[in-house]
Amino acid sequence: MNPWLAACVVLTALLLPVLWLGARGSEVRRLIGLQMFGQIVVLIGMAFSRAVRQPSYLIVPLALAILSVTGILVYTRLLSPRPEEQT
């Protein structure tokens, strides 16, 4: 087995506790789980690209990394407490 494919398998196994973290707990814990999930999926995509020796497959994980960071910023903006509107 290719060591890069072994890395993909190990990283995929790491998704289970991250999914549990993202499904349980407070908003902050779910946010941490979502961010960790995105980072692990990016790493899996990069390792898979290296395993099959196709550098063109790196486009998807790199785009996902940018979208993941942007999505987390939007999500934290929605979670932030809003000031009371004045009438």
PDB file of N, CA and C in Angstrom:
ATOM      1  N   MET A   1       0.855  -1.189   0.000  1.00  0.00           N
ATOM      2  CA  MET A   1       0.000   0.000   0.000  1.00  0.00           C
ATOM      3  C   MET A   1       0.888   1.236   0.000  1.00  0.00           C
ATOM      4  N   ASN A   2       0.488   2.176  -0.776  1.00  0.00           N
ATOM      5  CA  ASN A   2       1.169   3.446  -0.860  1.00  0.00           C
ATOM      6  C   ASN A   2       1.088   4.166   0.496  1.00  0.00           C
ATOM      7  N   PRO A   3       2.188   4.765   0.988  1.00  0.00           N
ATOM      8  CA  PRO A   3       2.106   5.472   2.273  1.00  0.00           C
ATOM      9  C   PRO A   3       1.132   6.644   2.253  1.00  0.00           C
ATOM     10  N   TRP A   4       0.943   7.234   1.082  1.00  0.00           N
ATOM     11  CA  TRP A   4      -0.015   8.336   0.990  1.00  0.00           C
ATOM     12  C   TRP A   4      -1.455   7.832   1.124  1.00  0.00           C
ATOM     13  N   LEU A   5      -1.722   6.652   0.589  1.00  0.00           N
ATOM     14  CA  LEU A   5      -3.058   6.069   0.772  1.00  0.00           C
ATOM     15  C   LEU A   5      -3.281   5.677   2.226  1.00  0.00           C
ATOM     16  N   ALA A   6      -2.220   5.202   2.892  1.00  0.00           N
ATOM     17  CA  ALA A   6      -2.331   4.904   4.319  1.00  0.00           C
ATOM     18  C   ALA A   6      -2.631   6.173   5.111  1.00  0.00           C
ATOM     19  N   ALA A   7      -2.017   7.276   4.712  1.00  0.00           N
ATOM     20  CA  ALA A   7      -2.311   8.550   5.370  1.00  0.00           C
ATOM     21  C   ALA A   7      -3.769   8.952   5.149  1.00  0.00           C
ATOM     22  N   CYS A   8      -4.297   8.687   3.964  1.00  0.00           N
ATOM     23  CA  CYS A   8      -5.716   8.979   3.684  1.00  0.00           C
ATOM     24  C   CYS A   8      -6.623   8.166   4.601  1.00  0.00           C
ATOM     25  N   VAL A   9      -6.284   6.901   4.810  1.00  0.00           N
ATOM     26  CA  VAL A   9      -7.099   6.037   5.671  1.00  0.00           C
ATOM     27  C   VAL A   9      -7.053   6.531   7.114  1.00  0.00           C
ATOM     28  N   VAL A  10      -5.869   6.890   7.593  1.00  0.00           N
ATOM     29  CA  VAL A  10      -5.741   7.380   8.971  1.00  0.00           C
ATOM     30  C   VAL A  10      -6.500   8.690   9.142  1.00  0.00           C
ATOM     31  N   LEU A  11      -6.372   9.588   8.186  1.00  0.00           N
ATOM     32  CA  LEU A  11      -7.082  10.864   8.278  1.00  0.00           C
ATOM     33  C   LEU A  11      -8.596  10.675   8.201  1.00  0.00           C
ATOM     34  N   THR A  12      -9.040   9.711   7.415  1.00  0.00           N
ATOM     35  CA  THR A  12     -10.472   9.426   7.341  1.00  0.00           C
ATOM     36  C   THR A  12     -10.979   8.891   8.679  1.00  0.00           C
ATOM     37  N   ALA A  13     -10.156   8.087   9.347  1.00  0.00           N
ATOM     38  CA  ALA A  13     -10.549   7.592  10.671  1.00  0.00           C
ATOM     39  C   ALA A  13     -10.630   8.729  11.681  1.00  0.00           C
ATOM     40  N   LEU A  14      -9.846   9.772  11.490  1.00  0.00           N
ATOM     41  CA  LEU A  14      -9.897  10.915  12.397  1.00  0.00           C
ATOM     42  C   LEU A  14     -11.165  11.745  12.233  1.00  0.00           C
ATOM     43  N   LEU A  15     -11.893  11.537  11.155  1.00  0.00           N
ATOM     44  CA  LEU A  15     -13.120  12.307  10.945  1.00  0.00           C
ATOM     45  C   LEU A  15     -14.228  11.920  11.919  1.00  0.00           C
ATOM     46  N   LEU A  16     -14.207  10.684  12.415  1.00  0.00           N
ATOM     47  CA  LEU A  16     -15.273  10.243  13.323  1.00  0.00           C
ATOM     48  C   LEU A  16     -15.329  11.056  14.617  1.00  0.00           C
ATOM     49  N   PRO A  17     -14.217  11.227  15.359  1.00  0.00           N
ATOM     50  CA  PRO A  17     -14.323  12.063  16.555  1.00  0.00           C
ATOM     51  C   PRO A  17     -14.628  13.519  16.251  1.00  0.00           C
ATOM     52  N   VAL A  18     -14.179  13.982  15.100  1.00  0.00           N
ATOM     53  CA  VAL A  18     -14.454  15.371  14.726  1.00  0.00           C
ATOM     54  C   VAL A  18     -15.941  15.557  14.435  1.00  0.00           C
ATOM     55  N   LEU A  19     -16.541  14.584  13.781  1.00  0.00           N
ATOM     56  CA  LEU A  19     -17.985  14.652  13.539  1.00  0.00           C
ATOM     57  C   LEU A  19     -18.766  14.620  14.849  1.00  0.00           C
ATOM     58  N   TRP A  20     -18.303  13.825  15.811  1.00  0.00           N
ATOM     59  CA  TRP A  20     -18.961  13.776  17.115  1.00  0.00           C
ATOM     60  C   TRP A  20     -18.839  15.129  17.802  1.00  0.00           C
ATOM     61  N   LEU A  21     -17.654  15.743  17.711  1.00  0.00           N
ATOM     62  CA  LEU A  21     -17.451  17.058  18.313  1.00  0.00           C
ATOM     63  C   LEU A  21     -18.344  18.098  17.644  1.00  0.00           C
ATOM     64  N   GLY A  22     -18.491  18.004  16.345  1.00  0.00           N
ATOM     65  CA  GLY A  22     -19.311  18.964  15.629  1.00  0.00           C
ATOM     66  C   GLY A  22     -20.800  18.783  15.842  1.00  0.00           C
ATOM     67  N   ALA A  23     -21.208  17.606  16.294  1.00  0.00           N
ATOM     68  CA  ALA A  23     -22.629  17.345  16.482  1.00  0.00           C
ATOM     69  C   ALA A  23     -23.092  17.576  17.918  1.00  0.00           C
ATOM     70  N   ARG A  24     -22.179  17.655  18.845  1.00  0.00           N
ATOM     71  CA  ARG A  24     -22.535  17.783  20.264  1.00  0.00           C
ATOM     72  C   ARG A  24     -21.938  19.049  20.854  1.00  0.00           C
ATOM     73  N   GLY A  25     -22.523  19.501  21.920  1.00  0.00           N
ATOM     74  CA  GLY A  25     -21.934  20.589  22.684  1.00  0.00           C
ATOM     75  C   GLY A  25     -22.458  21.963  22.312  1.00  0.00           C
ATOM     76  N   SER A  26     -21.718  22.939  22.788  1.00  0.00           N
ATOM     77  CA  SER A  26     -22.127  24.328  22.593  1.00  0.00           C
ATOM     78  C   SER A  26     -21.776  24.792  21.182  1.00  0.00           C
ATOM     79  N   GLU A  27     -22.131  26.022  20.895  1.00  0.00           N
ATOM     80  CA  GLU A  27     -21.870  26.569  19.574  1.00  0.00           C
ATOM     81  C   GLU A  27     -20.376  26.634  19.279  1.00  0.00           C
ATOM     82  N   VAL A  28     -19.595  26.964  20.298  1.00  0.00           N
ATOM     83  CA  VAL A  28     -18.150  27.084  20.100  1.00  0.00           C
ATOM     84  C   VAL A  28     -17.547  25.722  19.787  1.00  0.00           C
ATOM     85  N   ARG A  29     -17.969  24.678  20.486  1.00  0.00           N
ATOM     86  CA  ARG A  29     -17.455  23.330  20.217  1.00  0.00           C
ATOM     87  C   ARG A  29     -17.861  22.854  18.825  1.00  0.00           C
ATOM     88  N   ARG A  30     -19.060  23.170  18.408  1.00  0.00           N
ATOM     89  CA  ARG A  30     -19.485  22.792  17.058  1.00  0.00           C
ATOM     90  C   ARG A  30     -18.697  23.548  16.005  1.00  0.00           C
ATOM     91  N   LEU A  31     -18.379  24.802  16.285  1.00  0.00           N
ATOM     92  CA  LEU A  31     -17.568  25.590  15.370  1.00  0.00           C
ATOM     93  C   LEU A  31     -16.157  25.007  15.249  1.00  0.00           C
ATOM     94  N   ILE A  32     -15.581  24.591  16.369  1.00  0.00           N
ATOM     95  CA  ILE A  32     -14.263  23.959  16.346  1.00  0.00           C
ATOM     96  C   ILE A  32     -14.315  22.654  15.565  1.00  0.00           C
ATOM     97  N   GLY A  33     -15.367  21.869  15.756  1.00  0.00           N
ATOM     98  CA  GLY A  33     -15.518  20.633  15.004  1.00  0.00           C
ATOM     99  C   GLY A  33     -15.655  20.881  13.517  1.00  0.00           C
ATOM    100  N   LEU A  34     -16.386  21.906  13.139  1.00  0.00           N
ATOM    101  CA  LEU A  34     -16.542  22.244  11.727  1.00  0.00           C
ATOM    102  C   LEU A  34     -15.218  22.669  11.106  1.00  0.00           C
ATOM    103  N   GLN A  35     -14.448  23.468  11.836  1.00  0.00           N
ATOM    104  CA  GLN A  35     -13.152  23.910  11.322  1.00  0.00           C
ATOM    105  C   GLN A  35     -12.185  22.737  11.195  1.00  0.00           C
ATOM    106  N   MET A  36     -12.162  21.859  12.198  1.00  0.00           N
ATOM    107  CA  MET A  36     -11.287  20.687  12.130  1.00  0.00           C
ATOM    108  C   MET A  36     -11.695  19.761  10.994  1.00  0.00           C
ATOM    109  N   PHE A  37     -12.983  19.592  10.781  1.00  0.00           N
ATOM    110  CA  PHE A  37     -13.474  18.760   9.683  1.00  0.00           C
ATOM    111  C   PHE A  37     -12.975  19.292   8.342  1.00  0.00           C
ATOM    112  N   GLY A  38     -13.079  20.597   8.154  1.00  0.00           N
ATOM    113  CA  GLY A  38     -12.613  21.196   6.906  1.00  0.00           C
ATOM    114  C   GLY A  38     -11.121  21.008   6.704  1.00  0.00           C
ATOM    115  N   GLN A  39     -10.342  21.163   7.755  1.00  0.00           N
ATOM    116  CA  GLN A  39      -8.898  21.001   7.631  1.00  0.00           C
ATOM    117  C   GLN A  39      -8.521  19.561   7.331  1.00  0.00           C
ATOM    118  N   ILE A  40      -9.180  18.610   7.964  1.00  0.00           N
ATOM    119  CA  ILE A  40      -8.865  17.207   7.722  1.00  0.00           C
ATOM    120  C   ILE A  40      -9.263  16.802   6.299  1.00  0.00           C
ATOM    121  N   VAL A  41     -10.388  17.287   5.820  1.00  0.00           N
ATOM    122  CA  VAL A  41     -10.800  16.968   4.446  1.00  0.00           C
ATOM    123  C   VAL A  41      -9.807  17.550   3.437  1.00  0.00           C
ATOM    124  N   VAL A  42      -9.291  18.738   3.701  1.00  0.00           N
ATOM    125  CA  VAL A  42      -8.268  19.315   2.826  1.00  0.00           C
ATOM    126  C   VAL A  42      -7.016  18.440   2.836  1.00  0.00           C
ATOM    127  N   LEU A  43      -6.598  17.989   4.013  1.00  0.00           N
ATOM    128  CA  LEU A  43      -5.426  17.115   4.099  1.00  0.00           C
ATOM    129  C   LEU A  43      -5.649  15.790   3.387  1.00  0.00           C
ATOM    130  N   ILE A  44      -6.853  15.243   3.490  1.00  0.00           N
ATOM    131  CA  ILE A  44      -7.163  13.998   2.778  1.00  0.00           C
ATOM    132  C   ILE A  44      -7.073  14.219   1.271  1.00  0.00           C
ATOM    133  N   GLY A  45      -7.607  15.326   0.798  1.00  0.00           N
ATOM    134  CA  GLY A  45      -7.536  15.622  -0.632  1.00  0.00           C
ATOM    135  C   GLY A  45      -6.113  15.794  -1.126  1.00  0.00           C
ATOM    136  N   MET A  46      -5.286  16.445  -0.319  1.00  0.00           N
ATOM    137  CA  MET A  46      -3.898  16.633  -0.718  1.00  0.00           C
ATOM    138  C   MET A  46      -3.133  15.312  -0.708  1.00  0.00           C
ATOM    139  N   ALA A  47      -3.370  14.484   0.309  1.00  0.00           N
ATOM    140  CA  ALA A  47      -2.696  13.181   0.369  1.00  0.00           C
ATOM    141  C   ALA A  47      -3.164  12.278  -0.773  1.00  0.00           C
ATOM    142  N   PHE A  48      -4.449  12.335  -1.102  1.00  0.00           N
ATOM    143  CA  PHE A  48      -4.959  11.526  -2.211  1.00  0.00           C
ATOM    144  C   PHE A  48      -4.354  11.972  -3.532  1.00  0.00           C
ATOM    145  N   SER A  49      -4.213  13.278  -3.711  1.00  0.00           N
ATOM    146  CA  SER A  49      -3.586  13.791  -4.924  1.00  0.00           C
ATOM    147  C   SER A  49      -2.158  13.287  -5.051  1.00  0.00           C
ATOM    148  N   ARG A  50      -1.473  13.250  -3.946  1.00  0.00           N
ATOM    149  CA  ARG A  50      -0.100  12.746  -3.958  1.00  0.00           C
ATOM    150  C   ARG A  50      -0.065  11.232  -4.178  1.00  0.00           C
ATOM    151  N   ALA A  51      -1.053  10.512  -3.639  1.00  0.00           N
ATOM    152  CA  ALA A  51      -1.085   9.050  -3.756  1.00  0.00           C
ATOM    153  C   ALA A  51      -1.301   8.602  -5.193  1.00  0.00           C
ATOM    154  N   VAL A  52      -2.158   9.285  -5.913  1.00  0.00           N
ATOM    155  CA  VAL A  52      -2.437   8.897  -7.299  1.00  0.00           C
ATOM    156  C   VAL A  52      -1.553   9.638  -8.298  1.00  0.00           C
ATOM    157  N   ARG A  53      -0.668  10.480  -7.794  1.00  0.00           N
ATOM    158  CA  ARG A  53       0.304  11.222  -8.605  1.00  0.00           C
ATOM    159  C   ARG A  53      -0.367  12.065  -9.687  1.00  0.00           C
ATOM    160  N   GLN A  54      -1.393  12.781  -9.270  1.00  0.00           N
ATOM    161  CA  GLN A  54      -2.096  13.702 -10.162  1.00  0.00           C
ATOM    162  C   GLN A  54      -2.088  15.094  -9.528  1.00  0.00           C
ATOM    163  N   PRO A  55      -1.133  15.947  -9.890  1.00  0.00           N
ATOM    164  CA  PRO A  55      -1.079  17.279  -9.281  1.00  0.00           C
ATOM    165  C   PRO A  55      -2.313  18.127  -9.590  1.00  0.00           C
ATOM    166  N   SER A  56      -3.025  17.797 -10.655  1.00  0.00           N
ATOM    167  CA  SER A  56      -4.217  18.579 -10.978  1.00  0.00           C
ATOM    168  C   SER A  56      -5.323  18.373  -9.950  1.00  0.00           C
ATOM    169  N   TYR A  57      -5.254  17.290  -9.169  1.00  0.00           N
ATOM    170  CA  TYR A  57      -6.254  17.052  -8.127  1.00  0.00           C
ATOM    171  C   TYR A  57      -6.076  17.991  -6.934  1.00  0.00           C
ATOM    172  N   LEU A  58      -5.003  18.746  -6.891  1.00  0.00           N
ATOM    173  CA  LEU A  58      -4.781  19.676  -5.777  1.00  0.00           C
ATOM    174  C   LEU A  58      -5.695  20.889  -5.844  1.00  0.00           C
ATOM    175  N   ILE A  59      -6.322  21.114  -6.976  1.00  0.00           N
ATOM    176  CA  ILE A  59      -7.185  22.291  -7.128  1.00  0.00           C
ATOM    177  C   ILE A  59      -8.360  22.228  -6.152  1.00  0.00           C
ATOM    178  N   VAL A  60      -8.952  21.059  -6.016  1.00  0.00           N
ATOM    179  CA  VAL A  60     -10.137  20.924  -5.162  1.00  0.00           C
ATOM    180  C   VAL A  60      -9.803  21.171  -3.689  1.00  0.00           C
ATOM    181  N   PRO A  61      -8.778  20.522  -3.099  1.00  0.00           N
ATOM    182  CA  PRO A  61      -8.514  20.808  -1.686  1.00  0.00           C
ATOM    183  C   PRO A  61      -8.068  22.246  -1.434  1.00  0.00           C
ATOM    184  N   LEU A  62      -7.345  22.839  -2.357  1.00  0.00           N
ATOM    185  CA  LEU A  62      -6.925  24.219  -2.147  1.00  0.00           C
ATOM    186  C   LEU A  62      -8.115  25.178  -2.205  1.00  0.00           C
ATOM    187  N   ALA A  63      -9.036  24.932  -3.116  1.00  0.00           N
ATOM    188  CA  ALA A  63     -10.246  25.756  -3.161  1.00  0.00           C
ATOM    189  C   ALA A  63     -11.096  25.534  -1.906  1.00  0.00           C
ATOM    190  N   LEU A  64     -11.147  24.290  -1.446  1.00  0.00           N
ATOM    191  CA  LEU A  64     -11.899  23.991  -0.222  1.00  0.00           C
ATOM    192  C   LEU A  64     -11.286  24.671   0.991  1.00  0.00           C
ATOM    193  N   ALA A  65      -9.966  24.781   1.031  1.00  0.00           N
ATOM    194  CA  ALA A  65      -9.299  25.460   2.153  1.00  0.00           C
ATOM    195  C   ALA A  65      -9.711  26.927   2.204  1.00  0.00           C
ATOM    196  N   ILE A  66      -9.756  27.567   1.044  1.00  0.00           N
ATOM    197  CA  ILE A  66     -10.156  28.980   0.999  1.00  0.00           C
ATOM    198  C   ILE A  66     -11.623  29.135   1.388  1.00  0.00           C
ATOM    199  N   LEU A  67     -12.479  28.263   0.865  1.00  0.00           N
ATOM    200  CA  LEU A  67     -13.903  28.352   1.178  1.00  0.00           C
ATOM    201  C   LEU A  67     -14.187  27.993   2.629  1.00  0.00           C
ATOM    202  N   SER A  68     -13.407  27.096   3.200  1.00  0.00           N
ATOM    203  CA  SER A  68     -13.605  26.703   4.592  1.00  0.00           C
ATOM    204  C   SER A  68     -13.328  27.873   5.527  1.00  0.00           C
ATOM    205  N   VAL A  69     -12.234  28.571   5.285  1.00  0.00           N
ATOM    206  CA  VAL A  69     -11.902  29.730   6.124  1.00  0.00           C
ATOM    207  C   VAL A  69     -12.971  30.810   5.980  1.00  0.00           C
ATOM    208  N   THR A  70     -13.396  31.061   4.762  1.00  0.00           N
ATOM    209  CA  THR A  70     -14.430  32.071   4.536  1.00  0.00           C
ATOM    210  C   THR A  70     -15.746  31.666   5.189  1.00  0.00           C
ATOM    211  N   GLY A  71     -16.104  30.398   5.078  1.00  0.00           N
ATOM    212  CA  GLY A  71     -17.341  29.923   5.693  1.00  0.00           C
ATOM    213  C   GLY A  71     -17.318  30.031   7.205  1.00  0.00           C
ATOM    214  N   ILE A  72     -16.179  29.759   7.807  1.00  0.00           N
ATOM    215  CA  ILE A  72     -16.068  29.879   9.260  1.00  0.00           C
ATOM    216  C   ILE A  72     -16.216  31.333   9.689  1.00  0.00           C
ATOM    217  N   LEU A  73     -15.662  32.251   8.917  1.00  0.00           N
ATOM    218  CA  LEU A  73     -15.818  33.667   9.257  1.00  0.00           C
ATOM    219  C   LEU A  73     -17.277  34.098   9.189  1.00  0.00           C
ATOM    220  N   VAL A  74     -17.999  33.633   8.198  1.00  0.00           N
ATOM    221  CA  VAL A  74     -19.423  33.953   8.081  1.00  0.00           C
ATOM    222  C   VAL A  74     -20.195  33.318   9.234  1.00  0.00           C
ATOM    223  N   TYR A  75     -19.860  32.088   9.567  1.00  0.00           N
ATOM    224  CA  TYR A  75     -20.543  31.380  10.648  1.00  0.00           C
ATOM    225  C   TYR A  75     -20.325  32.077  11.987  1.00  0.00           C
ATOM    226  N   THR A  76     -19.094  32.526  12.261  1.00  0.00           N
ATOM    227  CA  THR A  76     -18.842  33.234  13.520  1.00  0.00           C
ATOM    228  C   THR A  76     -19.555  34.578  13.542  1.00  0.00           C
ATOM    229  N   ARG A  77     -19.700  35.189  12.400  1.00  0.00           N
ATOM    230  CA  ARG A  77     -20.441  36.457  12.338  1.00  0.00           C
ATOM    231  C   ARG A  77     -21.909  36.230  12.713  1.00  0.00           C
ATOM    232  N   LEU A  78     -22.462  35.110  12.266  1.00  0.00           N
ATOM    233  CA  LEU A  78     -23.852  34.805  12.595  1.00  0.00           C
ATOM    234  C   LEU A  78     -24.010  34.424  14.058  1.00  0.00           C
ATOM    235  N   LEU A  79     -22.972  33.860  14.679  1.00  0.00           N
ATOM    236  CA  LEU A  79     -23.051  33.472  16.086  1.00  0.00           C
ATOM    237  C   LEU A  79     -22.811  34.621  17.047  1.00  0.00           C
ATOM    238  N   SER A  80     -22.205  35.692  16.576  1.00  0.00           N
ATOM    239  CA  SER A  80     -21.865  36.785  17.478  1.00  0.00           C
ATOM    240  C   SER A  80     -23.131  37.443  18.013  1.00  0.00           C
ATOM    241  N   PRO A  81     -23.096  37.875  19.277  1.00  0.00           N
ATOM    242  CA  PRO A  81     -24.288  38.525  19.833  1.00  0.00           C
ATOM    243  C   PRO A  81     -24.515  39.870  19.156  1.00  0.00           C
ATOM    244  N   ARG A  82     -25.763  40.138  18.895  1.00  0.00           N
ATOM    245  CA  ARG A  82     -26.116  41.379  18.218  1.00  0.00           C
ATOM    246  C   ARG A  82     -26.588  42.402  19.237  1.00  0.00           C
ATOM    247  N   PRO A  83     -26.209  43.648  19.037  1.00  0.00           N
ATOM    248  CA  PRO A  83     -26.698  44.686  19.960  1.00  0.00           C
ATOM    249  C   PRO A  83     -28.192  44.906  19.757  1.00  0.00           C
ATOM    250  N   GLU A  84     -28.826  45.273  20.816  1.00  0.00           N
ATOM    251  CA  GLU A  84     -30.274  45.538  20.748  1.00  0.00           C
ATOM    252  C   GLU A  84     -30.536  46.756  19.867  1.00  0.00           C
ATOM    253  N   GLU A  85     -31.541  46.640  19.033  1.00  0.00           N
ATOM    254  CA  GLU A  85     -31.884  47.753  18.157  1.00  0.00           C
ATOM    255  C   GLU A  85     -32.570  48.848  18.956  1.00  0.00           C
ATOM    256  N   GLN A  86     -32.193  50.077  18.661  1.00  0.00           N
ATOM    257  CA  GLN A  86     -32.819  51.209  19.327  1.00  0.00           C
ATOM    258  C   GLN A  86     -33.975  51.726  18.493  1.00  0.00           C
ATOM    259  N   THR A  87     -35.038  52.080  19.152  1.00  0.00           N
ATOM    260  CA  THR A  87     -36.204  52.602  18.423  1.00  0.00           C
ATOM    261  C   THR A  87     -36.370  54.063  18.626  1.00  0.00           C
TER     262      THR A  87
END
